[in-house]
């Protein structure tokens, strides 16, 4: 599929919907930028593959869940397959919002709009 120009952004085809299974990811390149494309709960997310902490390839980290707020000595696990952990220093980011899990504001992943056109997944830049 060719690029499609919209009002303000261009849709760049990056893969077929069949290439990334539910809960999966694919590292793609668009306009010289490496992006992590994630398929979570029938939604698509694209994040720049650069950790805001030390420029690590964050999207290549472990996709997992995290501990949820709980009482002392209780460890409740949740958000399975909605968190990516940076491979260099362990920073965790919410794959649905891009926000760093431990900071109220500040560090976050840079995201891009994803649109599915037919059977093709496109990133809008």
PDB file of N, CA and C in Angstrom:
ATOM      1  N   UNK A   1       0.837  -1.179   0.000  1.00  0.00           N
ATOM      2  CA  UNK A   1       0.000   0.000   0.000  1.00  0.00           C
ATOM      3  C   UNK A   1       0.882   1.242   0.000  1.00  0.00           C
ATOM      4  N   UNK A   2       0.502   2.241  -0.767  1.00  0.00           N
ATOM      5  CA  UNK A   2       1.248   3.492  -0.808  1.00  0.00           C
ATOM      6  C   UNK A   2       0.867   4.370   0.369  1.00  0.00           C
ATOM      7  N   UNK A   3       1.709   5.374   0.638  1.00  0.00           N
ATOM      8  CA  UNK A   3       1.360   6.326   1.690  1.00  0.00           C
ATOM      9  C   UNK A   3       0.103   7.082   1.284  1.00  0.00           C
ATOM     10  N   UNK A   4      -0.678   7.484   2.282  1.00  0.00           N
ATOM     11  CA  UNK A   4      -1.911   8.226   2.040  1.00  0.00           C
ATOM     12  C   UNK A   4      -1.799   9.546   2.777  1.00  0.00           C
ATOM     13  N   UNK A   5      -1.901  10.656   2.034  1.00  0.00           N
ATOM     14  CA  UNK A   5      -1.803  11.969   2.663  1.00  0.00           C
ATOM     15  C   UNK A   5      -3.165  12.418   3.143  1.00  0.00           C
ATOM     16  N   UNK A   6      -3.203  12.843   4.401  1.00  0.00           N
ATOM     17  CA  UNK A   6      -4.423  13.389   4.988  1.00  0.00           C
ATOM     18  C   UNK A   6      -4.292  14.888   5.111  1.00  0.00           C
ATOM     19  N   UNK A   7      -5.159  15.478   5.898  1.00  0.00           N
ATOM     20  CA  UNK A   7      -5.150  16.928   6.078  1.00  0.00           C
ATOM     21  C   UNK A   7      -3.817  17.408   6.655  1.00  0.00           C
ATOM     22  N   UNK A   8      -3.388  16.788   7.763  1.00  0.00           N
ATOM     23  CA  UNK A   8      -2.164  17.231   8.428  1.00  0.00           C
ATOM     24  C   UNK A   8      -1.085  16.166   8.511  1.00  0.00           C
ATOM     25  N   UNK A   9      -1.451  14.904   8.296  1.00  0.00           N
ATOM     26  CA  UNK A   9      -0.505  13.816   8.492  1.00  0.00           C
ATOM     27  C   UNK A   9      -0.543  12.865   7.301  1.00  0.00           C
ATOM     28  N   UNK A  10       0.508  12.069   7.204  1.00  0.00           N
ATOM     29  CA  UNK A  10       0.585  11.054   6.159  1.00  0.00           C
ATOM     30  C   UNK A  10       0.511   9.685   6.824  1.00  0.00           C
ATOM     31  N   UNK A  11      -0.277   8.780   6.237  1.00  0.00           N
ATOM     32  CA  UNK A  11      -0.398   7.409   6.742  1.00  0.00           C
ATOM     33  C   UNK A  11       0.659   6.540   6.070  1.00  0.00           C
ATOM     34  N   UNK A  12       1.562   5.996   6.874  1.00  0.00           N
ATOM     35  CA  UNK A  12       2.632   5.129   6.377  1.00  0.00           C
ATOM     36  C   UNK A  12       2.289   3.677   6.691  1.00  0.00           C
ATOM     37  N   UNK A  13       2.115   2.841   5.676  1.00  0.00           N
ATOM     38  CA  UNK A  13       1.828   1.424   5.931  1.00  0.00           C
ATOM     39  C   UNK A  13       3.044   0.747   6.550  1.00  0.00           C
ATOM     40  N   UNK A  14       2.813  -0.031   7.620  1.00  0.00           N
ATOM     41  CA  UNK A  14       3.929  -0.677   8.307  1.00  0.00           C
ATOM     42  C   UNK A  14       3.821  -2.201   8.332  1.00  0.00           C
ATOM     43  N   UNK A  15       2.601  -2.739   8.232  1.00  0.00           N
ATOM     44  CA  UNK A  15       2.448  -4.190   8.203  1.00  0.00           C
ATOM     45  C   UNK A  15       0.996  -4.549   7.935  1.00  0.00           C
ATOM     46  N   UNK A  16       0.756  -5.827   7.757  1.00  0.00           N
ATOM     47  CA  UNK A  16      -0.596  -6.360   7.635  1.00  0.00           C
ATOM     48  C   UNK A  16      -1.137  -6.612   9.045  1.00  0.00           C
ATOM     49  N   UNK A  17      -2.444  -6.539   9.226  1.00  0.00           N
ATOM     50  CA  UNK A  17      -3.037  -6.833  10.536  1.00  0.00           C
ATOM     51  C   UNK A  17      -2.737  -8.266  10.974  1.00  0.00           C
ATOM     52  N   UNK A  18      -2.442  -9.135  10.023  1.00  0.00           N
ATOM     53  CA  UNK A  18      -2.177 -10.543  10.324  1.00  0.00           C
ATOM     54  C   UNK A  18      -0.746 -10.795  10.800  1.00  0.00           C
ATOM     55  N   UNK A  19       0.125  -9.796  10.659  1.00  0.00           N
ATOM     56  CA  UNK A  19       1.529  -9.973  11.050  1.00  0.00           C
ATOM     57  C   UNK A  19       1.767  -9.860  12.545  1.00  0.00           C
ATOM     58  N   UNK A  20       0.869  -9.184  13.267  1.00  0.00           N
ATOM     59  CA  UNK A  20       1.052  -8.971  14.704  1.00  0.00           C
ATOM     60  C   UNK A  20      -0.165  -9.532  15.424  1.00  0.00           C
ATOM     61  N   UNK A  21       0.026 -10.617  16.133  1.00  0.00           N
ATOM     62  CA  UNK A  21      -1.088 -11.252  16.835  1.00  0.00           C
ATOM     63  C   UNK A  21      -1.510 -10.411  18.042  1.00  0.00           C
ATOM     64  N   UNK A  22      -2.672 -10.698  18.566  1.00  0.00           N
ATOM     65  CA  UNK A  22      -3.164 -10.028  19.768  1.00  0.00           C
ATOM     66  C   UNK A  22      -2.131 -10.196  20.881  1.00  0.00           C
ATOM     67  N   UNK A  23      -1.753  -9.090  21.509  1.00  0.00           N
ATOM     68  CA  UNK A  23      -0.736  -9.107  22.553  1.00  0.00           C
ATOM     69  C   UNK A  23       0.691  -9.050  22.020  1.00  0.00           C
ATOM     70  N   UNK A  24       0.849  -8.994  20.706  1.00  0.00           N
ATOM     71  CA  UNK A  24       2.174  -9.002  20.101  1.00  0.00           C
ATOM     72  C   UNK A  24       2.713  -7.617  19.796  1.00  0.00           C
ATOM     73  N   UNK A  25       3.910  -7.600  19.254  1.00  0.00           N
ATOM     74  CA  UNK A  25       4.558  -6.345  18.870  1.00  0.00           C
ATOM     75  C   UNK A  25       5.425  -6.571  17.653  1.00  0.00           C
ATOM     76  N   UNK A  26       5.748  -5.479  17.000  1.00  0.00           N
ATOM     77  CA  UNK A  26       6.642  -5.504  15.843  1.00  0.00           C
ATOM     78  C   UNK A  26       7.411  -4.187  15.860  1.00  0.00           C
ATOM     79  N   UNK A  27       8.703  -4.255  15.632  1.00  0.00           N
ATOM     80  CA  UNK A  27       9.518  -3.045  15.514  1.00  0.00           C
ATOM     81  C   UNK A  27       9.531  -2.674  14.038  1.00  0.00           C
ATOM     82  N   UNK A  28       9.152  -1.423  13.743  1.00  0.00           N
ATOM     83  CA  UNK A  28       9.066  -0.956  12.358  1.00  0.00           C
ATOM     84  C   UNK A  28       9.846   0.348  12.222  1.00  0.00           C
ATOM     85  N   UNK A  29      10.121   0.718  10.983  1.00  0.00           N
ATOM     86  CA  UNK A  29      10.800   1.993  10.727  1.00  0.00           C
ATOM     87  C   UNK A  29       9.917   2.855   9.833  1.00  0.00           C
ATOM     88  N   UNK A  30       9.733   4.104  10.253  1.00  0.00           N
ATOM     89  CA  UNK A  30       8.953   5.069   9.486  1.00  0.00           C
ATOM     90  C   UNK A  30       9.733   6.375   9.442  1.00  0.00           C
ATOM     91  N   UNK A  31      10.017   6.835   8.248  1.00  0.00           N
ATOM     92  CA  UNK A  31      10.751   8.102   8.055  1.00  0.00           C
ATOM     93  C   UNK A  31      12.025   8.174   8.891  1.00  0.00           C
ATOM     94  N   UNK A  32      12.749   7.064   8.940  1.00  0.00           N
ATOM     95  CA  UNK A  32      14.019   7.029   9.659  1.00  0.00           C
ATOM     96  C   UNK A  32      13.888   6.854  11.165  1.00  0.00           C
ATOM     97  N   UNK A  33      12.654   6.721  11.682  1.00  0.00           N
ATOM     98  CA  UNK A  33      12.437   6.519  13.111  1.00  0.00           C
ATOM     99  C   UNK A  33      12.041   5.077  13.372  1.00  0.00           C
ATOM    100  N   UNK A  34      12.607   4.496  14.409  1.00  0.00           N
ATOM    101  CA  UNK A  34      12.223   3.153  14.803  1.00  0.00           C
ATOM    102  C   UNK A  34      11.065   3.255  15.797  1.00  0.00           C
ATOM    103  N   UNK A  35       9.995   2.512  15.514  1.00  0.00           N
ATOM    104  CA  UNK A  35       8.799   2.529  16.352  1.00  0.00           C
ATOM    105  C   UNK A  35       8.477   1.113  16.806  1.00  0.00           C
ATOM    106  N   UNK A  36       7.887   1.016  17.984  1.00  0.00           N
ATOM    107  CA  UNK A  36       7.343  -0.248  18.455  1.00  0.00           C
ATOM    108  C   UNK A  36       5.847  -0.223  18.200  1.00  0.00           C
ATOM    109  N   UNK A  37       5.360  -1.187  17.455  1.00  0.00           N
ATOM    110  CA  UNK A  37       3.932  -1.299  17.141  1.00  0.00           C
ATOM    111  C   UNK A  37       3.372  -2.419  18.013  1.00  0.00           C
ATOM    112  N   UNK A  38       2.349  -2.119  18.816  1.00  0.00           N
ATOM    113  CA  UNK A  38       1.782  -3.080  19.757  1.00  0.00           C
ATOM    114  C   UNK A  38       0.303  -3.287  19.462  1.00  0.00           C
ATOM    115  N   UNK A  39      -0.141  -4.533  19.548  1.00  0.00           N
ATOM    116  CA  UNK A  39      -1.547  -4.898  19.333  1.00  0.00           C
ATOM    117  C   UNK A  39      -2.091  -5.402  20.670  1.00  0.00           C
ATOM    118  N   UNK A  40      -2.881  -4.554  21.342  1.00  0.00           N
ATOM    119  CA  UNK A  40      -3.359  -4.851  22.688  1.00  0.00           C
ATOM    120  C   UNK A  40      -4.869  -4.695  22.750  1.00  0.00           C
ATOM    121  N   UNK A  41      -5.563  -5.762  23.099  1.00  0.00           N
ATOM    122  CA  UNK A  41      -7.025  -5.746  23.255  1.00  0.00           C
ATOM    123  C   UNK A  41      -7.724  -5.138  22.042  1.00  0.00           C
ATOM    124  N   UNK A  42      -7.348  -5.617  20.871  1.00  0.00           N
ATOM    125  CA  UNK A  42      -7.918  -5.184  19.591  1.00  0.00           C
ATOM    126  C   UNK A  42      -7.656  -3.719  19.251  1.00  0.00           C
ATOM    127  N   UNK A  43      -6.704  -3.100  19.913  1.00  0.00           N
ATOM    128  CA  UNK A  43      -6.294  -1.733  19.602  1.00  0.00           C
ATOM    129  C   UNK A  43      -4.824  -1.757  19.193  1.00  0.00           C
ATOM    130  N   UNK A  44      -4.422  -0.765  18.404  1.00  0.00           N
ATOM    131  CA  UNK A  44      -3.040  -0.659  17.932  1.00  0.00           C
ATOM    132  C   UNK A  44      -2.400   0.581  18.525  1.00  0.00           C
ATOM    133  N   UNK A  45      -1.140   0.450  18.944  1.00  0.00           N
ATOM    134  CA  UNK A  45      -0.393   1.550  19.541  1.00  0.00           C
ATOM    135  C   UNK A  45       0.993   1.591  18.913  1.00  0.00           C
ATOM    136  N   UNK A  46       1.486   2.797  18.656  1.00  0.00           N
ATOM    137  CA  UNK A  46       2.842   2.962  18.121  1.00  0.00           C
ATOM    138  C   UNK A  46       3.605   3.920  19.031  1.00  0.00           C
ATOM    139  N   UNK A  47       4.758   3.471  19.511  1.00  0.00           N
ATOM    140  CA  UNK A  47       5.600   4.273  20.397  1.00  0.00           C
ATOM    141  C   UNK A  47       6.993   4.358  19.805  1.00  0.00           C
ATOM    142  N   UNK A  48       7.596   5.526  19.907  1.00  0.00           N
ATOM    143  CA  UNK A  48       8.977   5.678  19.445  1.00  0.00           C
ATOM    144  C   UNK A  48       9.862   4.777  20.292  1.00  0.00           C
ATOM    145  N   UNK A  49      10.764   4.071  19.663  1.00  0.00           N
ATOM    146  CA  UNK A  49      11.605   3.093  20.340  1.00  0.00           C
ATOM    147  C   UNK A  49      12.803   3.748  21.008  1.00  0.00           C
ATOM    148  N   UNK A  50      12.521   4.760  21.835  1.00  0.00           N
ATOM    149  CA  UNK A  50      13.566   5.495  22.548  1.00  0.00           C
ATOM    150  C   UNK A  50      13.066   5.764  23.969  1.00  0.00           C
ATOM    151  N   UNK A  51      13.755   5.217  24.940  1.00  0.00           N
ATOM    152  CA  UNK A  51      13.384   5.468  26.336  1.00  0.00           C
ATOM    153  C   UNK A  51      13.764   6.906  26.697  1.00  0.00           C
ATOM    154  N   UNK A  52      12.851   7.664  27.336  1.00  0.00           N
ATOM    155  CA  UNK A  52      13.175   9.046  27.699  1.00  0.00           C
ATOM    156  C   UNK A  52      14.253   9.145  28.780  1.00  0.00           C
ATOM    157  N   UNK A  53      14.577   8.047  29.432  1.00  0.00           N
ATOM    158  CA  UNK A  53      15.582   8.075  30.493  1.00  0.00           C
ATOM    159  C   UNK A  53      17.000   8.092  29.931  1.00  0.00           C
ATOM    160  N   UNK A  54      17.326   7.111  29.062  1.00  0.00           N
ATOM    161  CA  UNK A  54      18.701   7.017  28.573  1.00  0.00           C
ATOM    162  C   UNK A  54      18.770   6.579  27.109  1.00  0.00           C
ATOM    163  N   UNK A  55      17.683   6.810  26.363  1.00  0.00           N
ATOM    164  CA  UNK A  55      17.616   6.533  24.925  1.00  0.00           C
ATOM    165  C   UNK A  55      17.762   5.048  24.562  1.00  0.00           C
ATOM    166  N   UNK A  56      17.420   4.168  25.491  1.00  0.00           N
ATOM    167  CA  UNK A  56      17.466   2.729  25.226  1.00  0.00           C
ATOM    168  C   UNK A  56      16.355   2.341  24.255  1.00  0.00           C
ATOM    169  N   UNK A  57      16.476   1.188  23.595  1.00  0.00           N
ATOM    170  CA  UNK A  57      15.414   0.699  22.717  1.00  0.00           C
ATOM    171  C   UNK A  57      14.268   0.118  23.558  1.00  0.00           C
ATOM    172  N   UNK A  58      13.492   0.983  24.157  1.00  0.00           N
ATOM    173  CA  UNK A  58      12.472   0.617  25.145  1.00  0.00           C
ATOM    174  C   UNK A  58      11.440  -0.379  24.623  1.00  0.00           C
ATOM    175  N   UNK A  59      11.062  -0.272  23.361  1.00  0.00           N
ATOM    176  CA  UNK A  59      10.017  -1.140  22.808  1.00  0.00           C
ATOM    177  C   UNK A  59      10.474  -2.583  22.635  1.00  0.00           C
ATOM    178  N   UNK A  60      11.769  -2.827  22.810  1.00  0.00           N
ATOM    179  CA  UNK A  60      12.298  -4.179  22.727  1.00  0.00           C
ATOM    180  C   UNK A  60      12.337  -4.865  24.088  1.00  0.00           C
ATOM    181  N   UNK A  61      11.895  -4.143  25.126  1.00  0.00           N
ATOM    182  CA  UNK A  61      11.892  -4.696  26.474  1.00  0.00           C
ATOM    183  C   UNK A  61      10.784  -5.711  26.678  1.00  0.00           C
ATOM    184  N   UNK A  62      10.766  -6.290  27.845  1.00  0.00           N
ATOM    185  CA  UNK A  62       9.770  -7.291  28.220  1.00  0.00           C
ATOM    186  C   UNK A  62       8.391  -6.638  28.286  1.00  0.00           C
ATOM    187  N   UNK A  63       7.412  -7.284  27.659  1.00  0.00           N
ATOM    188  CA  UNK A  63       6.019  -6.844  27.762  1.00  0.00           C
ATOM    189  C   UNK A  63       5.400  -7.705  28.856  1.00  0.00           C
ATOM    190  N   UNK A  64       4.865  -7.043  29.882  1.00  0.00           N
ATOM    191  CA  UNK A  64       4.416  -7.770  31.062  1.00  0.00           C
ATOM    192  C   UNK A  64       3.299  -6.996  31.743  1.00  0.00           C
ATOM    193  N   UNK A  65       3.072  -7.310  32.992  1.00  0.00           N
ATOM    194  CA  UNK A  65       2.177  -6.546  33.846  1.00  0.00           C
ATOM    195  C   UNK A  65       3.017  -5.904  34.926  1.00  0.00           C
ATOM    196  N   UNK A  66       2.381  -5.533  36.019  1.00  0.00           N
ATOM    197  CA  UNK A  66       3.115  -4.901  37.094  1.00  0.00           C
ATOM    198  C   UNK A  66       2.386  -5.122  38.410  1.00  0.00           C
ATOM    199  N   UNK A  67       3.023  -4.760  39.487  1.00  0.00           N
ATOM    200  CA  UNK A  67       2.367  -4.836  40.784  1.00  0.00           C
ATOM    201  C   UNK A  67       1.347  -3.709  40.894  1.00  0.00           C
ATOM    202  N   UNK A  68       0.210  -4.051  41.435  1.00  0.00           N
ATOM    203  CA  UNK A  68      -0.836  -3.056  41.654  1.00  0.00           C
ATOM    204  C   UNK A  68      -0.750  -2.556  43.091  1.00  0.00           C
ATOM    205  N   UNK A  69      -1.274  -1.360  43.357  1.00  0.00           N
ATOM    206  CA  UNK A  69      -1.284  -0.884  44.744  1.00  0.00           C
ATOM    207  C   UNK A  69      -2.007  -1.902  45.631  1.00  0.00           C
ATOM    208  N   UNK A  70      -1.396  -2.230  46.755  1.00  0.00           N
ATOM    209  CA  UNK A  70      -1.984  -3.221  47.655  1.00  0.00           C
ATOM    210  C   UNK A  70      -1.486  -2.978  49.074  1.00  0.00           C
ATOM    211  N   UNK A  71      -1.994  -3.747  49.998  1.00  0.00           N
ATOM    212  CA  UNK A  71      -1.590  -3.635  51.397  1.00  0.00           C
ATOM    213  C   UNK A  71      -0.169  -4.156  51.580  1.00  0.00           C
ATOM    214  N   UNK A  72       0.441  -3.808  52.699  1.00  0.00           N
ATOM    215  CA  UNK A  72       1.779  -4.276  53.031  1.00  0.00           C
ATOM    216  C   UNK A  72       1.781  -5.809  53.036  1.00  0.00           C
ATOM    217  N   UNK A  73       2.801  -6.402  52.460  1.00  0.00           N
ATOM    218  CA  UNK A  73       2.996  -7.844  52.337  1.00  0.00           C
ATOM    219  C   UNK A  73       1.998  -8.523  51.407  1.00  0.00           C
ATOM    220  N   UNK A  74       1.195  -7.760  50.719  1.00  0.00           N
ATOM    221  CA  UNK A  74       0.323  -8.310  49.692  1.00  0.00           C
ATOM    222  C   UNK A  74       0.849  -7.824  48.357  1.00  0.00           C
ATOM    223  N   UNK A  75       1.060  -8.732  47.446  1.00  0.00           N
ATOM    224  CA  UNK A  75       1.588  -8.376  46.140  1.00  0.00           C
ATOM    225  C   UNK A  75       0.596  -8.812  45.083  1.00  0.00           C
ATOM    226  N   UNK A  76      -0.118  -7.831  44.571  1.00  0.00           N
ATOM    227  CA  UNK A  76      -1.144  -8.113  43.567  1.00  0.00           C
ATOM    228  C   UNK A  76      -0.610  -7.742  42.188  1.00  0.00           C
ATOM    229  N   UNK A  77      -0.632  -8.711  41.283  1.00  0.00           N
ATOM    230  CA  UNK A  77      -0.148  -8.524  39.918  1.00  0.00           C
ATOM    231  C   UNK A  77      -1.337  -8.195  39.016  1.00  0.00           C
ATOM    232  N   UNK A  78      -1.130  -7.266  38.087  1.00  0.00           N
ATOM    233  CA  UNK A  78      -2.203  -6.919  37.167  1.00  0.00           C
ATOM    234  C   UNK A  78      -1.670  -6.236  35.923  1.00  0.00           C
ATOM    235  N   UNK A  79      -2.595  -5.787  35.064  1.00  0.00           N
ATOM    236  CA  UNK A  79      -2.258  -5.084  33.827  1.00  0.00           C
ATOM    237  C   UNK A  79      -1.394  -5.949  32.900  1.00  0.00           C
ATOM    238  N   UNK A  80      -1.638  -7.253  32.907  1.00  0.00           N
ATOM    239  CA  UNK A  80      -0.842  -8.181  32.105  1.00  0.00           C
ATOM    240  C   UNK A  80      -0.833  -7.788  30.630  1.00  0.00           C
ATOM    241  N   UNK A  81       0.361  -7.762  30.034  1.00  0.00           N
ATOM    242  CA  UNK A  81       0.620  -7.428  28.626  1.00  0.00           C
ATOM    243  C   UNK A  81       0.249  -5.982  28.282  1.00  0.00           C
ATOM    244  N   UNK A  82       0.194  -5.104  29.295  1.00  0.00           N
ATOM    245  CA  UNK A  82      -0.089  -3.680  29.066  1.00  0.00           C
ATOM    246  C   UNK A  82       1.081  -2.792  29.473  1.00  0.00           C
ATOM    247  N   UNK A  83       2.206  -3.403  29.849  1.00  0.00           N
ATOM    248  CA  UNK A  83       3.360  -2.658  30.344  1.00  0.00           C
ATOM    249  C   UNK A  83       4.603  -3.133  29.603  1.00  0.00           C
ATOM    250  N   UNK A  84       5.458  -2.174  29.223  1.00  0.00           N
ATOM    251  CA  UNK A  84       6.754  -2.540  28.653  1.00  0.00           C
ATOM    252  C   UNK A  84       7.819  -2.066  29.637  1.00  0.00           C
ATOM    253  N   UNK A  85       8.792  -2.953  29.878  1.00  0.00           N
ATOM    254  CA  UNK A  85       9.878  -2.656  30.808  1.00  0.00           C
ATOM    255  C   UNK A  85      11.145  -2.412  30.006  1.00  0.00           C
ATOM    256  N   UNK A  86      11.730  -1.239  30.172  1.00  0.00           N
ATOM    257  CA  UNK A  86      12.941  -0.880  29.432  1.00  0.00           C
ATOM    258  C   UNK A  86      14.044  -1.905  29.708  1.00  0.00           C
ATOM    259  N   UNK A  87      14.703  -2.392  28.651  1.00  0.00           N
ATOM    260  CA  UNK A  87      15.723  -3.429  28.832  1.00  0.00           C
ATOM    261  C   UNK A  87      17.000  -2.935  29.513  1.00  0.00           C
ATOM    262  N   UNK A  88      17.235  -1.644  29.570  1.00  0.00           N
ATOM    263  CA  UNK A  88      18.478  -1.155  30.172  1.00  0.00           C
ATOM    264  C   UNK A  88      18.362  -0.914  31.670  1.00  0.00           C
ATOM    265  N   UNK A  89      17.325  -0.209  32.119  1.00  0.00           N
ATOM    266  CA  UNK A  89      17.248   0.177  33.525  1.00  0.00           C
ATOM    267  C   UNK A  89      15.928  -0.185  34.194  1.00  0.00           C
ATOM    268  N   UNK A  90      15.057  -0.901  33.488  1.00  0.00           N
ATOM    269  CA  UNK A  90      13.840  -1.398  34.110  1.00  0.00           C
ATOM    270  C   UNK A  90      12.698  -0.414  34.257  1.00  0.00           C
ATOM    271  N   UNK A  91      12.813   0.763  33.670  1.00  0.00           N
ATOM    272  CA  UNK A  91      11.692   1.698  33.756  1.00  0.00           C
ATOM    273  C   UNK A  91      10.478   1.065  33.092  1.00  0.00           C
ATOM    274  N   UNK A  92       9.306   1.204  33.710  1.00  0.00           N
ATOM    275  CA  UNK A  92       8.088   0.622  33.180  1.00  0.00           C
ATOM    276  C   UNK A  92       7.163   1.700  32.615  1.00  0.00           C
ATOM    277  N   UNK A  93       6.603   1.408  31.437  1.00  0.00           N
ATOM    278  CA  UNK A  93       5.708   2.347  30.767  1.00  0.00           C
ATOM    279  C   UNK A  93       4.386   1.670  30.424  1.00  0.00           C
ATOM    280  N   UNK A  94       3.310   2.399  30.590  1.00  0.00           N
ATOM    281  CA  UNK A  94       1.969   1.940  30.236  1.00  0.00           C
ATOM    282  C   UNK A  94       1.857   1.952  28.717  1.00  0.00           C
ATOM    283  N   UNK A  95       1.596   0.803  28.109  1.00  0.00           N
ATOM    284  CA  UNK A  95       1.508   0.725  26.650  1.00  0.00           C
ATOM    285  C   UNK A  95       0.225   1.342  26.103  1.00  0.00           C
ATOM    286  N   UNK A  96      -0.752   1.612  26.958  1.00  0.00           N
ATOM    287  CA  UNK A  96      -2.001   2.224  26.500  1.00  0.00           C
ATOM    288  C   UNK A  96      -1.913   3.749  26.489  1.00  0.00           C
ATOM    289  N   UNK A  97      -1.061   4.313  27.350  1.00  0.00           N
ATOM    290  CA  UNK A  97      -0.960   5.772  27.453  1.00  0.00           C
ATOM    291  C   UNK A  97       0.442   6.309  27.204  1.00  0.00           C
ATOM    292  N   UNK A  98       1.458   5.465  27.334  1.00  0.00           N
ATOM    293  CA  UNK A  98       2.845   5.895  27.193  1.00  0.00           C
ATOM    294  C   UNK A  98       3.442   6.462  28.468  1.00  0.00           C
ATOM    295  N   UNK A  99       2.642   6.590  29.520  1.00  0.00           N
ATOM    296  CA  UNK A  99       3.126   7.197  30.765  1.00  0.00           C
ATOM    297  C   UNK A  99       4.028   6.239  31.543  1.00  0.00           C
ATOM    298  N   UNK A 100       5.036   6.837  32.197  1.00  0.00           N
ATOM    299  CA  UNK A 100       5.903   6.102  33.100  1.00  0.00           C
ATOM    300  C   UNK A 100       5.071   5.723  34.321  1.00  0.00           C
ATOM    301  N   UNK A 101       5.171   4.499  34.800  1.00  0.00           N
ATOM    302  CA  UNK A 101       4.304   4.044  35.883  1.00  0.00           C
ATOM    303  C   UNK A 101       4.613   4.668  37.237  1.00  0.00           C
ATOM    304  N   UNK A 102       5.837   5.085  37.473  1.00  0.00           N
ATOM    305  CA  UNK A 102       6.207   5.592  38.793  1.00  0.00           C
ATOM    306  C   UNK A 102       6.144   7.114  38.915  1.00  0.00           C
ATOM    307  N   UNK A 103       5.984   7.821  37.830  1.00  0.00           N
ATOM    308  CA  UNK A 103       5.964   9.279  37.885  1.00  0.00           C
ATOM    309  C   UNK A 103       4.569   9.806  37.602  1.00  0.00           C
ATOM    310  N   UNK A 104       4.147  10.776  38.391  1.00  0.00           N
ATOM    311  CA  UNK A 104       2.841  11.404  38.165  1.00  0.00           C
ATOM    312  C   UNK A 104       2.832  12.224  36.880  1.00  0.00           C
ATOM    313  N   UNK A 105       3.946  12.872  36.603  1.00  0.00           N
ATOM    314  CA  UNK A 105       4.079  13.650  35.371  1.00  0.00           C
ATOM    315  C   UNK A 105       5.525  13.575  34.921  1.00  0.00           C
ATOM    316  N   UNK A 106       5.748  13.913  33.710  1.00  0.00           N
ATOM    317  CA  UNK A 106       7.125  13.903  33.229  1.00  0.00           C
ATOM    318  C   UNK A 106       7.394  12.849  32.189  1.00  0.00           C
ATOM    319  N   UNK A 107       8.177  11.837  32.552  1.00  0.00           N
ATOM    320  CA  UNK A 107       8.643  10.845  31.584  1.00  0.00           C
ATOM    321  C   UNK A 107       7.482  10.093  30.950  1.00  0.00           C
ATOM    322  N   UNK A 108       7.532  10.015  29.628  1.00  0.00           N
ATOM    323  CA  UNK A 108       6.532   9.251  28.879  1.00  0.00           C
ATOM    324  C   UNK A 108       7.110   8.911  27.521  1.00  0.00           C
ATOM    325  N   UNK A 109       6.521   7.916  26.893  1.00  0.00           N
ATOM    326  CA  UNK A 109       6.928   7.530  25.543  1.00  0.00           C
ATOM    327  C   UNK A 109       6.251   8.458  24.539  1.00  0.00           C
ATOM    328  N   UNK A 110       6.911   8.671  23.424  1.00  0.00           N
ATOM    329  CA  UNK A 110       6.315   9.480  22.363  1.00  0.00           C
ATOM    330  C   UNK A 110       5.481   8.570  21.470  1.00  0.00           C
ATOM    331  N   UNK A 111       4.206   8.887  21.361  1.00  0.00           N
ATOM    332  CA  UNK A 111       3.301   8.031  20.612  1.00  0.00           C
ATOM    333  C   UNK A 111       2.855   8.619  19.292  1.00  0.00           C
ATOM    334  N   UNK A 112       2.349   7.735  18.435  1.00  0.00           N
ATOM    335  CA  UNK A 112       1.848   8.105  17.120  1.00  0.00           C
ATOM    336  C   UNK A 112       0.503   7.438  16.886  1.00  0.00           C
ATOM    337  N   UNK A 113      -0.353   8.093  16.155  1.00  0.00           N
ATOM    338  CA  UNK A 113      -1.672   7.557  15.839  1.00  0.00           C
ATOM    339  C   UNK A 113      -1.518   6.389  14.879  1.00  0.00           C
ATOM    340  N   UNK A 114      -2.278   5.337  15.135  1.00  0.00           N
ATOM    341  CA  UNK A 114      -2.277   4.155  14.272  1.00  0.00           C
ATOM    342  C   UNK A 114      -3.668   4.020  13.683  1.00  0.00           C
ATOM    343  N   UNK A 115      -3.721   3.746  12.393  1.00  0.00           N
ATOM    344  CA  UNK A 115      -4.993   3.571  11.706  1.00  0.00           C
ATOM    345  C   UNK A 115      -4.922   2.299  10.873  1.00  0.00           C
ATOM    346  N   UNK A 116      -5.998   1.523  10.920  1.00  0.00           N
ATOM    347  CA  UNK A 116      -6.067   0.315  10.102  1.00  0.00           C
ATOM    348  C   UNK A 116      -6.908   0.641   8.872  1.00  0.00           C
ATOM    349  N   UNK A 117      -6.304   0.463   7.702  1.00  0.00           N
ATOM    350  CA  UNK A 117      -6.982   0.724   6.437  1.00  0.00           C
ATOM    351  C   UNK A 117      -7.056  -0.610   5.708  1.00  0.00           C
ATOM    352  N   UNK A 118      -8.254  -1.167   5.662  1.00  0.00           N
ATOM    353  CA  UNK A 118      -8.409  -2.516   5.091  1.00  0.00           C
ATOM    354  C   UNK A 118      -7.702  -3.507   5.992  1.00  0.00           C
ATOM    355  N   UNK A 119      -6.712  -4.221   5.449  1.00  0.00           N
ATOM    356  CA  UNK A 119      -5.928  -5.171   6.216  1.00  0.00           C
ATOM    357  C   UNK A 119      -4.531  -4.625   6.531  1.00  0.00           C
ATOM    358  N   UNK A 120      -4.335  -3.330   6.309  1.00  0.00           N
ATOM    359  CA  UNK A 120      -3.023  -2.724   6.492  1.00  0.00           C
ATOM    360  C   UNK A 120      -2.994  -1.807   7.708  1.00  0.00           C
ATOM    361  N   UNK A 121      -1.973  -1.981   8.537  1.00  0.00           N
ATOM    362  CA  UNK A 121      -1.772  -1.116   9.686  1.00  0.00           C
ATOM    363  C   UNK A 121      -0.884   0.037   9.260  1.00  0.00           C
ATOM    364  N   UNK A 122      -1.350   1.263   9.504  1.00  0.00           N
ATOM    365  CA  UNK A 122      -0.608   2.467   9.102  1.00  0.00           C
ATOM    366  C   UNK A 122      -0.329   3.337  10.328  1.00  0.00           C
ATOM    367  N   UNK A 123       0.825   3.973  10.319  1.00  0.00           N
ATOM    368  CA  UNK A 123       1.169   4.946  11.351  1.00  0.00           C
ATOM    369  C   UNK A 123       1.066   6.324  10.727  1.00  0.00           C
ATOM    370  N   UNK A 124       0.384   7.235  11.416  1.00  0.00           N
ATOM    371  CA  UNK A 124       0.199   8.592  10.927  1.00  0.00           C
ATOM    372  C   UNK A 124       1.264   9.505  11.500  1.00  0.00           C
ATOM    373  N   UNK A 125       2.020  10.123  10.602  1.00  0.00           N
ATOM    374  CA  UNK A 125       3.069  11.059  11.019  1.00  0.00           C
ATOM    375  C   UNK A 125       2.942  12.301  10.169  1.00  0.00           C
TER     376      UNK A 125
END
